[in-house]
Amino acid sequence: MVKKRRQFSVVDTEMPKSHILDKFTMGNEVKPKEPVDVPEPTPEPGPDKAKQAAFSQPKKKAPALPKAEPTATAPSINSTPTDETVVVNFKAGVPVSLAARFSELKAESGMTEDYLMDWSFARALKIMEKIDIATLSLALEGPKTVEPSRAKRLHVRRDALDRFRASHDPLEVFKNVDCCRLIYIAAFKEALEELAGKLNL
């Protein structure tokens, strides 16, 4: 009796699943682990879509603005208090040299004295911040005012006072308060001229 020979063939079989065997190859390549899909967290109800978009998108930095160079002619009379400023308290009203013009504008415009004084006083203080100190036309009678007067505190830059004295007070006769009053008189005059132009008077 003839025996049949069995033929053997090598068949690739899958490796059994084992954490220890996964670390070895043993002739068979270990299949890479498939990435597990992690579900995205669902947003909680509450904030609107605009707020969610604002949190999800990265914030863009605003472009840097060019720094403005300070001008040498700016007097900066009324400034924020620093080591470079001095405090000056003075009473400001209608200057003696402009009392007649003030009364004339009051009569021609029909404004009350208080209303006209409020406007002129506020406008003069604004003009003081930008007036050209070197070209001031100063009143001859000195820094005197008439009623109604207002108390005003200024934080005046020392360099502005230095420029004023260099042009108008080389002997440094005037005190700081007198310098500010003279600048105020020039600014008050410019304010009245501006008002006359607005009213065509």
N, C-alpha and C. Protein backbone atom coordinates (compact mmCIF):
# COMPACT_ATOMS: atom_id res chain seq x y z
N MET A 1 0.85 -1.17 0.00
CA MET A 1 0.00 0.00 0.00
C MET A 1 0.89 1.23 0.00
N VAL A 2 0.56 2.11 -0.88
CA VAL A 2 1.38 3.32 -1.05
C VAL A 2 0.81 4.42 -0.18
N LYS A 3 1.72 4.96 0.63
CA LYS A 3 1.28 6.08 1.48
C LYS A 3 1.36 7.39 0.74
N LYS A 4 0.35 8.19 0.92
CA LYS A 4 0.32 9.52 0.29
C LYS A 4 1.12 10.49 1.14
N ARG A 5 1.99 11.16 0.42
CA ARG A 5 2.76 12.20 1.12
C ARG A 5 1.94 13.49 1.19
N ARG A 6 1.94 14.00 2.36
CA ARG A 6 1.25 15.27 2.51
C ARG A 6 2.19 16.41 2.21
N GLN A 7 1.68 17.28 1.47
CA GLN A 7 2.49 18.47 1.15
C GLN A 7 2.13 19.56 2.16
N PHE A 8 3.17 20.20 2.66
CA PHE A 8 2.99 21.28 3.61
C PHE A 8 3.33 22.62 2.95
N SER A 9 2.52 23.55 3.21
CA SER A 9 2.79 24.90 2.68
C SER A 9 2.73 25.90 3.84
N VAL A 10 3.60 26.89 3.72
CA VAL A 10 3.66 27.93 4.77
C VAL A 10 2.62 29.00 4.44
N VAL A 11 1.74 29.23 5.34
CA VAL A 11 0.67 30.20 5.14
C VAL A 11 0.86 31.34 6.14
N ASP A 12 0.81 32.57 5.63
CA ASP A 12 0.91 33.73 6.53
C ASP A 12 -0.31 33.79 7.42
N THR A 13 -0.06 33.78 8.65
CA THR A 13 -1.16 33.88 9.61
C THR A 13 -1.00 35.16 10.41
N GLU A 14 -2.09 35.67 10.86
CA GLU A 14 -2.05 36.89 11.66
C GLU A 14 -1.56 36.59 13.06
N MET A 15 -0.79 37.49 13.57
CA MET A 15 -0.28 37.32 14.92
C MET A 15 -1.44 37.47 15.91
N PRO A 16 -1.42 36.71 16.94
CA PRO A 16 -2.49 36.88 17.94
C PRO A 16 -2.38 38.25 18.61
N LYS A 17 -3.50 38.77 18.99
CA LYS A 17 -3.52 40.08 19.62
C LYS A 17 -3.00 39.96 21.04
N SER A 18 -1.89 40.64 21.27
CA SER A 18 -1.29 40.62 22.60
C SER A 18 -0.44 41.86 22.74
N HIS A 19 -0.54 42.49 23.90
CA HIS A 19 0.27 43.69 24.13
C HIS A 19 1.75 43.38 24.16
N ILE A 20 2.10 42.18 24.61
CA ILE A 20 3.51 41.81 24.67
C ILE A 20 4.03 41.45 23.29
N LEU A 21 3.26 40.69 22.52
CA LEU A 21 3.71 40.30 21.19
C LEU A 21 3.74 41.47 20.23
N ASP A 22 2.95 42.48 20.49
CA ASP A 22 2.96 43.65 19.60
C ASP A 22 4.30 44.36 19.62
N LYS A 23 5.10 44.11 20.65
CA LYS A 23 6.39 44.78 20.74
C LYS A 23 7.47 44.06 19.92
N PHE A 24 7.18 42.85 19.43
CA PHE A 24 8.15 42.10 18.65
C PHE A 24 7.60 41.85 17.25
N THR A 25 8.50 41.69 16.29
CA THR A 25 8.07 41.42 14.92
C THR A 25 8.08 39.94 14.60
N MET A 26 9.13 39.23 14.93
CA MET A 26 9.24 37.79 14.71
C MET A 26 8.91 37.42 13.28
N GLY A 27 9.43 38.15 12.36
CA GLY A 27 9.25 37.82 10.95
C GLY A 27 8.00 38.40 10.35
N ASN A 28 7.01 38.62 11.13
CA ASN A 28 5.77 39.23 10.63
C ASN A 28 5.75 40.69 11.04
N GLU A 29 5.32 41.54 10.15
CA GLU A 29 5.24 42.96 10.44
C GLU A 29 3.99 43.23 11.26
N VAL A 30 4.20 43.96 12.29
CA VAL A 30 3.06 44.33 13.11
C VAL A 30 2.31 45.44 12.42
N LYS A 31 1.06 45.29 12.31
CA LYS A 31 0.26 46.33 11.66
C LYS A 31 0.20 47.55 12.56
N PRO A 32 0.40 48.72 11.96
CA PRO A 32 0.31 49.94 12.79
C PRO A 32 -1.10 50.13 13.30
N LYS A 33 -1.13 50.67 14.47
CA LYS A 33 -2.45 50.92 15.06
C LYS A 33 -3.17 52.01 14.29
N GLU A 34 -4.40 51.74 14.04
CA GLU A 34 -5.21 52.73 13.32
C GLU A 34 -5.55 53.86 14.27
N PRO A 35 -5.47 55.12 13.76
CA PRO A 35 -5.81 56.26 14.64
C PRO A 35 -7.26 56.22 15.04
N VAL A 36 -7.46 56.52 16.30
CA VAL A 36 -8.82 56.51 16.83
C VAL A 36 -9.40 57.90 16.67
N ASP A 37 -10.56 57.98 16.09
CA ASP A 37 -11.24 59.26 15.90
C ASP A 37 -11.79 59.73 17.24
N VAL A 38 -11.27 60.88 17.69
CA VAL A 38 -11.77 61.46 18.94
C VAL A 38 -12.85 62.47 18.59
N PRO A 39 -14.02 62.30 19.09
CA PRO A 39 -15.09 63.26 18.74
C PRO A 39 -14.79 64.63 19.32
N GLU A 40 -15.07 65.65 18.53
CA GLU A 40 -14.86 67.02 18.98
C GLU A 40 -15.90 67.37 20.03
N PRO A 41 -15.48 68.12 21.05
CA PRO A 41 -16.46 68.49 22.07
C PRO A 41 -17.48 69.47 21.51
N THR A 42 -18.69 69.19 21.85
CA THR A 42 -19.77 70.06 21.36
C THR A 42 -19.82 71.31 22.21
N PRO A 43 -19.95 72.50 21.59
CA PRO A 43 -20.01 73.74 22.39
C PRO A 43 -21.26 73.79 23.23
N GLU A 44 -21.07 74.31 24.42
CA GLU A 44 -22.22 74.42 25.32
C GLU A 44 -23.11 75.56 24.86
N PRO A 45 -24.40 75.40 25.00
CA PRO A 45 -25.30 76.48 24.60
C PRO A 45 -25.15 77.65 25.56
N GLY A 46 -25.27 78.82 25.03
CA GLY A 46 -25.14 80.01 25.86
C GLY A 46 -24.64 81.18 25.06
N PRO A 47 -23.31 81.27 24.83
CA PRO A 47 -22.80 82.42 24.06
C PRO A 47 -23.22 82.33 22.60
N ASP A 48 -23.41 83.45 22.01
CA ASP A 48 -23.85 83.48 20.63
C ASP A 48 -22.70 83.12 19.69
N LYS A 49 -23.01 82.99 18.42
CA LYS A 49 -22.01 82.57 17.43
C LYS A 49 -20.89 83.58 17.28
N ALA A 50 -21.22 84.84 17.44
CA ALA A 50 -20.17 85.86 17.29
C ALA A 50 -19.12 85.72 18.37
N LYS A 51 -19.55 85.40 19.61
CA LYS A 51 -18.58 85.24 20.69
C LYS A 51 -17.76 83.97 20.48
N GLN A 52 -18.42 82.89 19.98
CA GLN A 52 -17.68 81.66 19.73
C GLN A 52 -16.62 81.87 18.66
N ALA A 53 -16.96 82.63 17.62
CA ALA A 53 -15.99 82.90 16.57
C ALA A 53 -14.83 83.74 17.09
N ALA A 54 -15.14 84.62 18.00
CA ALA A 54 -14.09 85.48 18.55
C ALA A 54 -13.11 84.67 19.38
N PHE A 55 -13.60 83.62 20.08
CA PHE A 55 -12.70 82.80 20.88
C PHE A 55 -11.92 81.82 20.03
N SER A 56 -12.51 81.35 18.93
CA SER A 56 -11.84 80.34 18.12
C SER A 56 -10.76 80.94 17.22
N GLN A 57 -10.95 82.17 16.77
CA GLN A 57 -9.98 82.78 15.87
C GLN A 57 -8.89 83.48 16.66
N PRO A 58 -7.63 83.35 16.23
CA PRO A 58 -6.55 84.05 16.93
C PRO A 58 -6.67 85.55 16.73
N LYS A 59 -6.35 86.28 17.80
CA LYS A 59 -6.44 87.74 17.73
C LYS A 59 -5.27 88.30 16.95
N LYS A 60 -5.57 89.23 16.08
CA LYS A 60 -4.53 89.88 15.29
C LYS A 60 -4.06 91.13 16.02
N LYS A 61 -2.76 91.32 16.01
CA LYS A 61 -2.21 92.51 16.64
C LYS A 61 -2.42 93.72 15.75
N ALA A 62 -2.82 94.82 16.38
CA ALA A 62 -3.03 96.05 15.62
C ALA A 62 -1.68 96.59 15.16
N PRO A 63 -1.61 97.13 13.95
CA PRO A 63 -0.33 97.68 13.47
C PRO A 63 0.10 98.86 14.31
N ALA A 64 1.38 98.93 14.56
CA ALA A 64 1.92 100.01 15.38
C ALA A 64 1.83 101.33 14.62
N LEU A 65 1.28 102.34 15.30
CA LEU A 65 1.16 103.66 14.68
C LEU A 65 2.49 104.40 14.81
N PRO A 66 2.84 105.19 13.82
CA PRO A 66 4.09 105.97 13.93
C PRO A 66 3.98 107.02 15.01
N LYS A 67 5.05 107.16 15.77
CA LYS A 67 5.05 108.14 16.84
C LYS A 67 5.23 109.54 16.27
N ALA A 68 4.38 110.44 16.76
CA ALA A 68 4.46 111.83 16.29
C ALA A 68 5.60 112.52 17.01
N GLU A 69 6.41 113.21 16.26
CA GLU A 69 7.52 113.92 16.85
C GLU A 69 7.03 115.23 17.45
N PRO A 70 7.43 115.56 18.66
CA PRO A 70 6.98 116.81 19.27
C PRO A 70 7.53 118.01 18.53
N THR A 71 6.69 119.03 18.38
CA THR A 71 7.11 120.24 17.69
C THR A 71 7.78 121.17 18.69
N ALA A 72 8.76 121.88 18.21
CA ALA A 72 9.52 122.76 19.09
C ALA A 72 8.74 124.02 19.42
N THR A 73 7.71 124.38 18.61
CA THR A 73 6.99 125.62 18.84
C THR A 73 5.80 125.44 19.75
N ALA A 74 5.43 124.20 20.11
CA ALA A 74 4.26 123.98 20.95
C ALA A 74 4.57 124.41 22.38
N PRO A 75 3.83 125.38 22.94
CA PRO A 75 4.15 125.86 24.27
C PRO A 75 3.70 124.92 25.38
N SER A 76 2.59 124.20 25.17
CA SER A 76 2.05 123.28 26.17
C SER A 76 1.92 123.98 27.52
N ILE A 77 1.13 125.06 27.55
CA ILE A 77 0.98 125.82 28.78
C ILE A 77 0.30 124.98 29.85
N ASN A 78 -0.92 124.51 29.57
CA ASN A 78 -1.66 123.69 30.53
C ASN A 78 -1.37 122.24 30.23
N SER A 79 -0.61 121.57 31.09
CA SER A 79 -0.15 120.22 30.84
C SER A 79 -0.47 119.35 32.04
N THR A 80 -0.24 118.05 31.89
CA THR A 80 -0.42 117.16 33.02
C THR A 80 0.74 117.34 33.99
N PRO A 81 0.47 117.20 35.29
CA PRO A 81 1.54 117.45 36.28
C PRO A 81 2.67 116.44 36.17
N THR A 82 3.88 116.93 35.99
CA THR A 82 5.09 116.11 35.96
C THR A 82 6.19 116.88 36.67
N ASP A 83 7.38 116.31 36.67
CA ASP A 83 8.53 116.99 37.27
C ASP A 83 8.94 118.21 36.45
N GLU A 84 8.49 118.28 35.18
CA GLU A 84 8.86 119.39 34.31
C GLU A 84 7.82 120.51 34.32
N THR A 85 6.82 120.43 35.20
CA THR A 85 5.78 121.45 35.26
C THR A 85 5.77 122.12 36.63
N VAL A 86 5.23 123.33 36.65
CA VAL A 86 5.02 124.05 37.90
C VAL A 86 3.55 124.42 37.98
N VAL A 87 3.02 124.47 39.20
CA VAL A 87 1.61 124.81 39.41
C VAL A 87 1.49 126.32 39.57
N VAL A 88 0.56 126.90 38.82
CA VAL A 88 0.33 128.34 38.87
C VAL A 88 -1.16 128.58 39.11
N ASN A 89 -1.48 129.31 40.16
CA ASN A 89 -2.86 129.71 40.46
C ASN A 89 -3.00 131.20 40.20
N PHE A 90 -4.00 131.57 39.42
CA PHE A 90 -4.21 132.99 39.16
C PHE A 90 -5.69 133.25 38.87
N LYS A 91 -6.08 134.51 39.02
CA LYS A 91 -7.45 134.92 38.72
C LYS A 91 -7.47 135.53 37.33
N ALA A 92 -8.37 135.02 36.50
CA ALA A 92 -8.47 135.50 35.12
C ALA A 92 -9.86 136.07 34.91
N GLY A 93 -9.92 137.19 34.29
CA GLY A 93 -11.20 137.83 33.97
C GLY A 93 -11.07 138.57 32.66
N VAL A 94 -11.79 139.69 32.54
CA VAL A 94 -11.68 140.51 31.34
C VAL A 94 -10.46 141.43 31.51
N PRO A 95 -9.46 141.33 30.63
CA PRO A 95 -8.29 142.20 30.76
C PRO A 95 -8.67 143.68 30.63
N VAL A 96 -7.92 144.54 31.31
CA VAL A 96 -8.20 145.97 31.29
C VAL A 96 -8.12 146.51 29.86
N SER A 97 -7.13 146.05 29.10
CA SER A 97 -6.95 146.56 27.74
C SER A 97 -8.06 146.10 26.80
N LEU A 98 -8.83 145.08 27.18
CA LEU A 98 -9.88 144.54 26.31
C LEU A 98 -11.28 144.76 26.88
N ALA A 99 -11.39 145.52 27.96
CA ALA A 99 -12.70 145.73 28.59
C ALA A 99 -13.65 146.45 27.65
N ALA A 100 -13.15 147.46 26.91
CA ALA A 100 -14.01 148.20 26.00
C ALA A 100 -14.50 147.31 24.86
N ARG A 101 -13.62 146.49 24.30
CA ARG A 101 -14.01 145.59 23.21
C ARG A 101 -14.99 144.52 23.71
N PHE A 102 -14.79 144.07 24.94
CA PHE A 102 -15.69 143.09 25.52
C PHE A 102 -17.10 143.67 25.66
N SER A 103 -17.19 144.89 26.16
CA SER A 103 -18.50 145.54 26.33
C SER A 103 -19.15 145.80 24.98
N GLU A 104 -18.36 146.16 23.98
CA GLU A 104 -18.90 146.40 22.64
C GLU A 104 -19.50 145.13 22.05
N LEU A 105 -18.78 144.02 22.16
CA LEU A 105 -19.30 142.75 21.64
C LEU A 105 -20.54 142.31 22.41
N LYS A 106 -20.58 142.59 23.69
CA LYS A 106 -21.75 142.22 24.49
C LYS A 106 -22.98 143.00 24.03
N ALA A 107 -22.80 144.28 23.74
CA ALA A 107 -23.94 145.10 23.32
C ALA A 107 -24.40 144.75 21.91
N GLU A 108 -23.44 144.50 20.99
CA GLU A 108 -23.80 144.23 19.60
C GLU A 108 -24.36 142.82 19.40
N SER A 109 -23.90 141.88 20.19
CA SER A 109 -24.36 140.49 20.03
C SER A 109 -25.62 140.19 20.82
N GLY A 110 -25.94 141.01 21.82
CA GLY A 110 -27.11 140.74 22.65
C GLY A 110 -26.88 139.66 23.69
N MET A 111 -25.63 139.19 23.87
CA MET A 111 -25.33 138.16 24.86
C MET A 111 -25.28 138.78 26.25
N THR A 112 -25.58 137.96 27.24
CA THR A 112 -25.41 138.41 28.61
C THR A 112 -23.93 138.41 28.97
N GLU A 113 -23.59 139.16 30.00
CA GLU A 113 -22.18 139.26 30.39
C GLU A 113 -21.64 137.90 30.85
N ASP A 114 -22.47 137.16 31.59
CA ASP A 114 -22.01 135.85 32.08
C ASP A 114 -21.79 134.87 30.93
N TYR A 115 -22.72 134.86 29.95
CA TYR A 115 -22.58 133.93 28.82
C TYR A 115 -21.34 134.28 27.99
N LEU A 116 -21.15 135.56 27.73
CA LEU A 116 -20.00 135.98 26.93
C LEU A 116 -18.70 135.70 27.67
N MET A 117 -18.71 135.89 28.99
CA MET A 117 -17.51 135.63 29.78
C MET A 117 -17.20 134.13 29.80
N ASP A 118 -18.24 133.30 29.94
CA ASP A 118 -18.02 131.85 29.96
C ASP A 118 -17.39 131.39 28.64
N TRP A 119 -17.91 131.89 27.52
CA TRP A 119 -17.38 131.47 26.22
C TRP A 119 -15.95 131.98 26.02
N SER A 120 -15.73 133.26 26.33
CA SER A 120 -14.41 133.86 26.12
C SER A 120 -13.36 133.23 27.03
N PHE A 121 -13.72 132.94 28.27
CA PHE A 121 -12.80 132.35 29.23
C PHE A 121 -12.38 130.94 28.78
N ALA A 122 -13.37 130.12 28.42
CA ALA A 122 -13.06 128.76 27.98
C ALA A 122 -12.25 128.75 26.70
N ARG A 123 -12.61 129.65 25.76
CA ARG A 123 -11.88 129.70 24.49
C ARG A 123 -10.45 130.20 24.69
N ALA A 124 -10.25 131.16 25.59
CA ALA A 124 -8.92 131.71 25.84
C ALA A 124 -8.00 130.63 26.43
N LEU A 125 -8.54 129.80 27.30
CA LEU A 125 -7.73 128.73 27.89
C LEU A 125 -7.31 127.71 26.83
N LYS A 126 -8.18 127.44 25.85
CA LYS A 126 -7.81 126.53 24.76
C LYS A 126 -6.74 127.15 23.88
N ILE A 127 -6.86 128.45 23.63
CA ILE A 127 -5.88 129.13 22.78
C ILE A 127 -4.52 129.18 23.47
N MET A 128 -4.51 129.25 24.79
CA MET A 128 -3.24 129.29 25.53
C MET A 128 -2.41 128.03 25.29
N GLU A 129 -3.06 126.92 24.98
CA GLU A 129 -2.33 125.68 24.79
C GLU A 129 -1.57 125.63 23.47
N LYS A 130 -1.95 126.47 22.51
CA LYS A 130 -1.32 126.39 21.20
C LYS A 130 -0.78 127.74 20.71
N ILE A 131 -0.89 128.77 21.51
CA ILE A 131 -0.46 130.10 21.07
C ILE A 131 1.06 130.14 20.93
N ASP A 132 1.52 130.91 19.97
CA ASP A 132 2.97 131.05 19.74
C ASP A 132 3.51 132.08 20.73
N ILE A 133 4.25 131.60 21.71
CA ILE A 133 4.71 132.48 22.78
C ILE A 133 5.67 133.55 22.28
N ALA A 134 6.49 133.21 21.31
CA ALA A 134 7.51 134.15 20.86
C ALA A 134 6.92 135.36 20.15
N THR A 135 5.73 135.23 19.58
CA THR A 135 5.14 136.33 18.81
C THR A 135 3.97 136.98 19.53
N LEU A 136 3.92 136.88 20.84
CA LEU A 136 2.80 137.48 21.59
C LEU A 136 2.86 139.00 21.50
N SER A 137 1.68 139.60 21.41
CA SER A 137 1.57 141.06 21.49
C SER A 137 1.05 141.39 22.89
N LEU A 138 1.97 141.81 23.77
CA LEU A 138 1.61 141.99 25.17
C LEU A 138 0.99 143.34 25.42
N ALA A 139 0.06 143.37 26.38
CA ALA A 139 -0.59 144.63 26.77
C ALA A 139 0.41 145.49 27.55
N LEU A 140 0.33 146.80 27.33
CA LEU A 140 1.30 147.70 27.96
C LEU A 140 1.02 147.92 29.44
N GLU A 141 -0.26 147.78 29.85
CA GLU A 141 -0.59 148.10 31.23
C GLU A 141 -0.23 146.99 32.20
N GLY A 142 0.28 145.88 31.67
CA GLY A 142 0.66 144.80 32.57
C GLY A 142 -0.45 143.78 32.75
N PRO A 143 -0.19 142.75 33.51
CA PRO A 143 -1.16 141.66 33.66
C PRO A 143 -2.27 141.98 34.64
N LYS A 144 -3.12 142.90 34.29
CA LYS A 144 -4.25 143.27 35.15
C LYS A 144 -5.56 142.84 34.49
N THR A 145 -6.52 142.47 35.30
CA THR A 145 -7.84 142.09 34.79
C THR A 145 -8.91 142.81 35.59
N VAL A 146 -10.11 142.81 35.05
CA VAL A 146 -11.26 143.39 35.74
C VAL A 146 -12.28 142.29 35.96
N GLU A 147 -13.33 142.61 36.70
CA GLU A 147 -14.38 141.62 36.96
C GLU A 147 -15.15 141.31 35.68
N PRO A 148 -15.81 140.14 35.58
CA PRO A 148 -15.78 139.04 36.57
C PRO A 148 -14.51 138.22 36.44
N SER A 149 -13.99 137.76 37.54
CA SER A 149 -12.74 137.00 37.53
C SER A 149 -13.02 135.54 37.88
N ARG A 150 -12.18 134.68 37.37
CA ARG A 150 -12.30 133.24 37.62
C ARG A 150 -10.96 132.73 38.16
N ALA A 151 -11.03 131.84 39.12
CA ALA A 151 -9.82 131.20 39.63
C ALA A 151 -9.43 130.05 38.70
N LYS A 152 -8.16 129.98 38.38
CA LYS A 152 -7.68 128.96 37.46
C LYS A 152 -6.35 128.42 37.95
N ARG A 153 -6.22 127.08 37.91
CA ARG A 153 -4.95 126.42 38.24
C ARG A 153 -4.39 125.80 36.97
N LEU A 154 -3.16 126.13 36.67
CA LEU A 154 -2.49 125.60 35.49
C LEU A 154 -1.26 124.80 35.90
N HIS A 155 -1.00 123.74 35.16
CA HIS A 155 0.26 123.01 35.27
C HIS A 155 1.10 123.44 34.07
N VAL A 156 1.99 124.39 34.29
CA VAL A 156 2.73 125.04 33.22
C VAL A 156 4.09 124.38 33.06
N ARG A 157 4.45 124.08 31.83
CA ARG A 157 5.76 123.48 31.55
C ARG A 157 6.85 124.53 31.77
N ARG A 158 7.91 124.09 32.36
CA ARG A 158 9.03 125.00 32.62
C ARG A 158 9.66 125.52 31.32
N ASP A 159 9.71 124.67 30.29
CA ASP A 159 10.31 125.12 29.04
C ASP A 159 9.45 126.19 28.37
N ALA A 160 8.12 126.15 28.58
CA ALA A 160 7.26 127.19 28.04
C ALA A 160 7.53 128.53 28.72
N LEU A 161 7.71 128.50 30.03
CA LEU A 161 8.06 129.73 30.75
C LEU A 161 9.43 130.24 30.33
N ASP A 162 10.36 129.33 30.08
CA ASP A 162 11.69 129.74 29.62
C ASP A 162 11.62 130.41 28.26
N ARG A 163 10.78 129.87 27.36
CA ARG A 163 10.63 130.50 26.04
C ARG A 163 9.96 131.86 26.15
N PHE A 164 9.01 132.00 27.08
CA PHE A 164 8.37 133.29 27.28
C PHE A 164 9.37 134.32 27.78
N ARG A 165 10.18 133.94 28.76
CA ARG A 165 11.14 134.90 29.31
C ARG A 165 12.24 135.22 28.29
N ALA A 166 12.59 134.28 27.46
CA ALA A 166 13.62 134.54 26.46
C ALA A 166 13.15 135.60 25.46
N SER A 167 11.83 135.67 25.20
CA SER A 167 11.31 136.62 24.22
C SER A 167 10.80 137.91 24.84
N HIS A 168 10.26 137.84 26.06
CA HIS A 168 9.56 139.01 26.61
C HIS A 168 10.06 139.44 28.00
N ASP A 169 10.85 138.64 28.67
CA ASP A 169 11.27 138.98 30.02
C ASP A 169 12.72 138.55 30.24
N PRO A 170 13.65 139.15 29.49
CA PRO A 170 15.05 138.72 29.61
C PRO A 170 15.64 138.97 30.98
N LEU A 171 15.16 139.96 31.72
CA LEU A 171 15.66 140.25 33.06
C LEU A 171 14.93 139.46 34.15
N GLU A 172 13.96 138.63 33.74
CA GLU A 172 13.19 137.78 34.65
C GLU A 172 12.54 138.60 35.77
N VAL A 173 11.87 139.66 35.36
CA VAL A 173 11.15 140.50 36.31
C VAL A 173 9.83 139.87 36.71
N PHE A 174 9.15 139.26 35.73
CA PHE A 174 7.82 138.71 35.99
C PHE A 174 7.91 137.38 36.74
N LYS A 175 6.97 137.19 37.64
CA LYS A 175 6.81 135.90 38.30
C LYS A 175 6.09 134.94 37.34
N ASN A 176 6.03 133.67 37.73
CA ASN A 176 5.34 132.69 36.89
C ASN A 176 3.88 133.05 36.68
N VAL A 177 3.24 133.53 37.74
CA VAL A 177 1.82 133.88 37.62
C VAL A 177 1.63 135.07 36.68
N ASP A 178 2.58 136.03 36.69
CA ASP A 178 2.49 137.18 35.79
C ASP A 178 2.69 136.75 34.33
N CYS A 179 3.60 135.82 34.12
CA CYS A 179 3.80 135.30 32.75
C CYS A 179 2.53 134.65 32.24
N CYS A 180 1.87 133.89 33.08
CA CYS A 180 0.64 133.21 32.66
C CYS A 180 -0.48 134.22 32.41
N ARG A 181 -0.55 135.25 33.22
CA ARG A 181 -1.58 136.28 33.00
C ARG A 181 -1.36 136.99 31.66
N LEU A 182 -0.10 137.30 31.33
CA LEU A 182 0.18 137.97 30.06
C LEU A 182 -0.15 137.06 28.88
N ILE A 183 0.15 135.78 29.00
CA ILE A 183 -0.23 134.83 27.94
C ILE A 183 -1.75 134.74 27.85
N TYR A 184 -2.42 134.77 29.00
CA TYR A 184 -3.89 134.72 29.02
C TYR A 184 -4.49 135.95 28.33
N ILE A 185 -3.91 137.15 28.57
CA ILE A 185 -4.44 138.36 27.94
C ILE A 185 -4.35 138.26 26.43
N ALA A 186 -3.22 137.77 25.92
CA ALA A 186 -3.06 137.61 24.47
C ALA A 186 -4.05 136.58 23.94
N ALA A 187 -4.28 135.51 24.67
CA ALA A 187 -5.24 134.49 24.24
C ALA A 187 -6.67 135.02 24.30
N PHE A 188 -6.98 135.81 25.32
CA PHE A 188 -8.33 136.40 25.44
C PHE A 188 -8.62 137.34 24.28
N LYS A 189 -7.60 138.11 23.88
CA LYS A 189 -7.77 139.01 22.74
C LYS A 189 -8.05 138.22 21.47
N GLU A 190 -7.33 137.11 21.28
CA GLU A 190 -7.56 136.28 20.09
C GLU A 190 -8.96 135.64 20.13
N ALA A 191 -9.43 135.31 21.33
CA ALA A 191 -10.77 134.72 21.47
C ALA A 191 -11.84 135.73 21.08
N LEU A 192 -11.69 137.01 21.49
CA LEU A 192 -12.66 138.04 21.12
C LEU A 192 -12.65 138.29 19.61
N GLU A 193 -11.47 138.28 19.00
CA GLU A 193 -11.40 138.44 17.55
C GLU A 193 -12.07 137.28 16.83
N GLU A 194 -11.92 136.08 17.36
CA GLU A 194 -12.57 134.92 16.76
C GLU A 194 -14.09 135.03 16.87
N LEU A 195 -14.57 135.50 18.04
CA LEU A 195 -16.02 135.68 18.23
C LEU A 195 -16.58 136.74 17.31
N ALA A 196 -15.83 137.84 17.15
CA ALA A 196 -16.29 138.90 16.25
C ALA A 196 -16.37 138.39 14.83
N GLY A 197 -15.46 137.54 14.41
CA GLY A 197 -15.50 136.96 13.07
C GLY A 197 -16.69 136.04 12.89
N LYS A 198 -17.00 135.26 13.92
CA LYS A 198 -18.16 134.36 13.84
C LYS A 198 -19.47 135.12 13.73
N LEU A 199 -19.55 136.26 14.43
CA LEU A 199 -20.79 137.05 14.45
C LEU A 199 -20.80 138.15 13.40
N ASN A 200 -19.71 138.25 12.61
CA ASN A 200 -19.58 139.30 11.59
C ASN A 200 -19.75 140.69 12.21
N LEU A 201 -19.08 140.93 13.31
CA LEU A 201 -19.18 142.22 14.00
C LEU A 201 -17.86 142.98 13.89
